[in-house]
Amino acid sequence: MAKKPPIAPASEDAAEDQVAPPAAPGRFHGSTLAGADFDDVDLRGARLHNVALTKAELDDVDLRGARFHNVALTKAELDDVDLRGARLHNVALTKAELDDVDLRDARLHNATLAGASLDDISLAGARVDNADAAATRWSDVSLRRARFEGSDLRGVEIVGCTIDGLTIDGVRIDRLLEETKARSSTSSAPEATGKEATPGRKKPRRPAPLK
């Protein structure tokens, strides 16, 4: 019986053609990354627990579906960051700068945004509970179908934002504004000025002088 030829080992080119298994989501636990610089990084599904990212810079970072728990992003800069569907619990974004950040369908619970600046942000479909957003400035932000519950929004400055379907503590803000405008236009009708004489009323006669 003829012998079978030996099986040739796989070539390097063939090995390169094989699809590599997807990398496991990154896990950061108890890390101190203050001032770190993340540029063009794929961190989809990452888990961050008890992480300090104070004054960190995140540029072109994919964090879709990530989970944040007890994370400090105070004075951090987020530019072109994808956080769609992310879950942020006990996150501090005090005085942070967010530019071109996608938070569609994200969930924020106990988030601190006091003094932060939000520009070109999407919070469409997001749910925000117990957030401190006092004295924040929101510019060109999409709040379509977003829901805020029990949040501090005192002193918030909103410029050029979309609020279709925005709900705050169960109140549809877009409908409330429409009703307010309607009442304002109705009550702004010009009022009559001056006194009009009552028809049919005679002037009282003066008493005759005594002789």
Protein backbone atom coordinates (compact mmCIF):
# COMPACT_ATOMS: atom_id res chain seq x y z
CA MET A 1 0.00 0.00 0.00
CA ALA A 2 1.36 3.36 -1.00
CA LYS A 3 2.12 5.69 1.82
CA LYS A 4 0.13 8.87 2.09
CA PRO A 5 2.15 12.04 1.67
CA PRO A 6 2.71 13.96 4.92
CA ILE A 7 0.37 16.85 5.61
CA ALA A 8 2.14 20.09 4.77
CA PRO A 9 2.29 22.61 7.63
CA ALA A 10 0.13 25.68 7.24
CA SER A 11 1.94 28.56 5.61
CA GLU A 12 2.33 31.94 7.29
CA ASP A 13 0.08 33.49 4.65
CA ALA A 14 -2.66 30.99 5.46
CA ALA A 15 -2.34 31.77 9.15
CA GLU A 16 -2.74 35.48 8.43
CA ASP A 17 -5.92 34.77 6.47
CA GLN A 18 -7.56 33.23 9.53
CA VAL A 19 -9.87 35.55 11.40
CA ALA A 20 -8.60 36.31 14.86
CA PRO A 21 -11.13 35.92 17.69
CA PRO A 22 -12.46 39.18 19.04
CA ALA A 23 -10.57 40.55 21.99
CA ALA A 24 -12.23 40.32 25.39
CA PRO A 25 -13.64 43.59 26.74
CA GLY A 26 -11.06 45.57 28.68
CA ARG A 27 -11.40 45.54 32.45
CA PHE A 28 -10.11 48.34 34.65
CA HIS A 29 -10.52 47.85 38.40
CA GLY A 30 -9.07 50.17 41.00
CA SER A 31 -6.89 51.90 38.40
CA THR A 32 -5.42 55.37 38.66
CA LEU A 33 -5.27 56.82 35.15
CA ALA A 34 -5.33 60.52 36.00
CA GLY A 35 -4.10 62.58 33.05
CA ALA A 36 -4.03 59.55 30.75
CA ASP A 37 -4.33 60.03 26.98
CA PHE A 38 -6.57 57.63 25.02
CA ASP A 39 -6.38 58.25 21.27
CA ASP A 40 -8.11 56.09 18.63
CA VAL A 41 -8.82 53.22 21.03
CA ASP A 42 -11.45 50.47 20.76
CA LEU A 43 -12.86 49.82 24.23
CA ARG A 44 -16.27 48.45 23.31
CA GLY A 45 -17.90 46.67 26.23
CA ALA A 46 -15.14 47.75 28.63
CA ARG A 47 -15.70 47.51 32.38
CA LEU A 48 -14.41 50.35 34.54
CA HIS A 49 -14.82 50.02 38.31
CA ASN A 50 -13.28 52.41 40.86
CA VAL A 51 -11.20 54.16 38.19
CA ALA A 52 -9.69 57.65 38.41
CA LEU A 53 -9.56 59.42 35.03
CA THR A 54 -9.23 62.96 36.33
CA LYS A 55 -7.98 65.36 33.63
CA ALA A 56 -7.73 62.46 31.17
CA GLU A 57 -8.07 63.05 27.41
CA LEU A 58 -10.23 60.70 25.35
CA ASP A 59 -10.10 61.34 21.60
CA ASP A 60 -11.78 59.07 19.02
CA VAL A 61 -12.55 56.34 21.58
CA ASP A 62 -15.20 53.64 21.04
CA LEU A 63 -16.90 52.82 24.35
CA ARG A 64 -20.16 51.40 23.06
CA GLY A 65 -21.89 49.25 25.65
CA ALA A 66 -19.24 50.05 28.28
CA ARG A 67 -19.99 49.89 32.01
CA PHE A 68 -18.76 52.65 34.33
CA HIS A 69 -19.07 52.31 38.12
CA ASN A 70 -17.48 54.76 40.54
CA VAL A 71 -15.44 56.52 37.84
CA ALA A 72 -13.96 60.01 38.21
CA LEU A 73 -13.76 62.01 34.98
CA THR A 74 -13.41 65.40 36.66
CA LYS A 75 -12.00 68.04 34.29
CA ALA A 76 -11.55 65.36 31.63
CA GLU A 77 -11.79 66.12 27.90
CA LEU A 78 -13.92 63.81 25.75
CA ASP A 79 -13.81 64.44 22.00
CA ASP A 80 -15.40 62.15 19.41
CA VAL A 81 -16.30 59.47 21.98
CA ASP A 82 -18.94 56.83 21.26
CA LEU A 83 -20.88 55.84 24.41
CA ARG A 84 -24.00 54.46 22.78
CA GLY A 85 -25.83 52.08 25.10
CA ALA A 86 -23.28 52.60 27.87
CA ARG A 87 -24.17 52.39 31.56
CA LEU A 88 -22.69 55.05 33.83
CA HIS A 89 -23.29 54.69 37.57
CA ASN A 90 -21.72 57.04 40.13
CA VAL A 91 -19.70 58.93 37.54
CA ALA A 92 -18.17 62.37 38.18
CA LEU A 93 -17.91 64.63 35.13
CA THR A 94 -17.52 67.84 37.11
CA LYS A 95 -16.12 70.65 34.93
CA ALA A 96 -15.47 68.17 32.14
CA GLU A 97 -15.58 69.14 28.45
CA LEU A 98 -17.64 66.90 26.19
CA ASP A 99 -17.50 67.58 22.45
CA ASP A 100 -19.00 65.30 19.78
CA VAL A 101 -19.98 62.60 22.30
CA ASP A 102 -22.66 60.04 21.42
CA LEU A 103 -24.73 58.94 24.42
CA ARG A 104 -27.74 57.61 22.57
CA ASP A 105 -29.76 55.11 24.62
CA ALA A 106 -27.23 55.39 27.46
CA ARG A 107 -28.17 55.17 31.14
CA LEU A 108 -26.72 57.65 33.63
CA HIS A 109 -27.43 57.17 37.33
CA ASN A 110 -25.96 59.39 40.04
CA ALA A 111 -23.87 61.32 37.52
CA THR A 112 -22.29 64.64 38.47
CA LEU A 113 -22.09 67.12 35.58
CA ALA A 114 -21.88 70.35 37.58
CA GLY A 115 -19.95 73.00 35.70
CA ALA A 116 -19.44 70.76 32.65
CA SER A 117 -19.62 71.94 29.04
CA LEU A 118 -21.57 69.82 26.52
CA ASP A 119 -21.25 70.67 22.82
CA ASP A 120 -22.55 68.60 19.89
CA ILE A 121 -23.83 65.81 22.16
CA SER A 122 -26.54 63.24 21.52
CA LEU A 123 -28.62 62.07 24.48
CA ALA A 124 -31.43 60.79 22.28
CA GLY A 125 -33.31 58.04 24.05
CA ALA A 126 -31.02 58.28 27.08
CA ARG A 127 -32.25 57.98 30.66
CA VAL A 128 -30.71 60.20 33.32
CA ASP A 129 -31.57 59.59 36.98
CA ASN A 130 -30.43 61.56 40.03
CA ALA A 131 -27.94 63.66 38.08
CA ASP A 132 -26.40 66.93 39.22
CA ALA A 133 -26.23 69.13 36.12
CA ALA A 134 -26.37 72.51 37.85
CA ALA A 135 -24.65 75.41 36.07
CA THR A 136 -23.88 73.40 32.95
CA ARG A 137 -23.92 74.74 29.39
CA TRP A 138 -25.50 72.60 26.65
CA SER A 139 -24.98 73.63 23.03
CA ASP A 140 -26.27 71.76 19.98
CA VAL A 141 -27.47 68.81 22.06
CA SER A 142 -30.07 66.27 20.93
CA LEU A 143 -32.50 65.44 23.74
CA ARG A 144 -35.03 63.58 21.63
CA ARG A 145 -37.01 61.13 23.79
CA ALA A 146 -34.54 61.61 26.65
CA ARG A 147 -35.86 61.12 30.19
CA PHE A 148 -34.63 62.94 33.29
CA GLU A 149 -35.78 61.90 36.75
CA GLY A 150 -34.89 63.51 40.08
CA SER A 151 -32.08 65.58 38.57
CA ASP A 152 -30.76 69.02 39.51
CA LEU A 153 -31.04 71.22 36.42
CA ARG A 154 -30.78 74.63 38.10
CA GLY A 155 -28.93 77.25 36.09
CA VAL A 156 -28.63 75.04 33.00
CA GLU A 157 -28.01 77.05 29.83
CA ILE A 158 -29.43 75.40 26.71
CA VAL A 159 -28.57 76.76 23.24
CA GLY A 160 -29.75 75.24 19.96
CA CYS A 161 -30.93 71.94 21.43
CA THR A 162 -33.54 69.52 20.11
CA ILE A 163 -36.10 68.60 22.77
CA ASP A 164 -38.74 66.60 20.88
CA GLY A 165 -40.13 64.08 23.35
CA LEU A 166 -37.94 65.29 26.23
CA THR A 167 -39.45 64.29 29.58
CA ILE A 168 -38.41 65.73 32.94
CA ASP A 169 -40.00 64.17 36.03
CA GLY A 170 -42.86 62.86 33.91
CA VAL A 171 -43.55 66.21 32.17
CA ARG A 172 -43.23 66.50 28.39
CA ILE A 173 -41.19 69.68 28.04
CA ASP A 174 -41.89 70.22 24.33
CA ARG A 175 -45.65 70.14 24.96
CA LEU A 176 -45.30 72.39 28.00
CA LEU A 177 -43.49 75.01 25.90
CA GLU A 178 -46.13 74.82 23.18
CA GLU A 179 -48.91 75.40 25.73
CA THR A 180 -46.99 78.30 27.29
CA LYS A 181 -46.52 79.96 23.89
CA ALA A 182 -50.20 79.53 23.07
CA ARG A 183 -51.27 81.16 26.35
CA SER A 184 -48.76 83.96 25.84
CA SER A 185 -50.05 84.78 22.36
CA THR A 186 -53.65 84.83 23.64
CA SER A 187 -52.94 87.12 26.56
CA SER A 188 -50.89 89.56 24.48
CA ALA A 189 -53.96 91.09 22.77
CA PRO A 190 -53.92 94.97 22.96
CA GLU A 191 -55.94 96.39 25.85
CA ALA A 192 -58.20 99.46 25.52
CA THR A 193 -56.67 102.63 26.90
CA GLY A 194 -58.44 105.66 28.35
CA LYS A 195 -61.90 105.97 29.93
CA GLU A 196 -64.99 105.59 27.87
CA ALA A 197 -68.17 107.47 28.73
CA THR A 198 -71.04 105.28 29.84
CA PRO A 199 -73.90 105.62 27.30
CA GLY A 200 -77.15 107.09 28.59
CA ARG A 201 -75.58 108.62 31.68
CA LYS A 202 -76.32 112.31 32.29
CA LYS A 203 -73.96 114.71 33.94
CA PRO A 204 -75.18 115.83 37.38
CA ARG A 205 -76.64 119.36 37.55
CA ARG A 206 -74.85 121.96 39.60
CA PRO A 207 -76.94 123.57 42.37
CA ALA A 208 -78.16 127.11 41.65
CA PRO A 209 -76.20 129.83 43.45
CA LEU A 210 -77.88 131.33 46.55
CA LYS A 211 -79.22 134.89 46.17
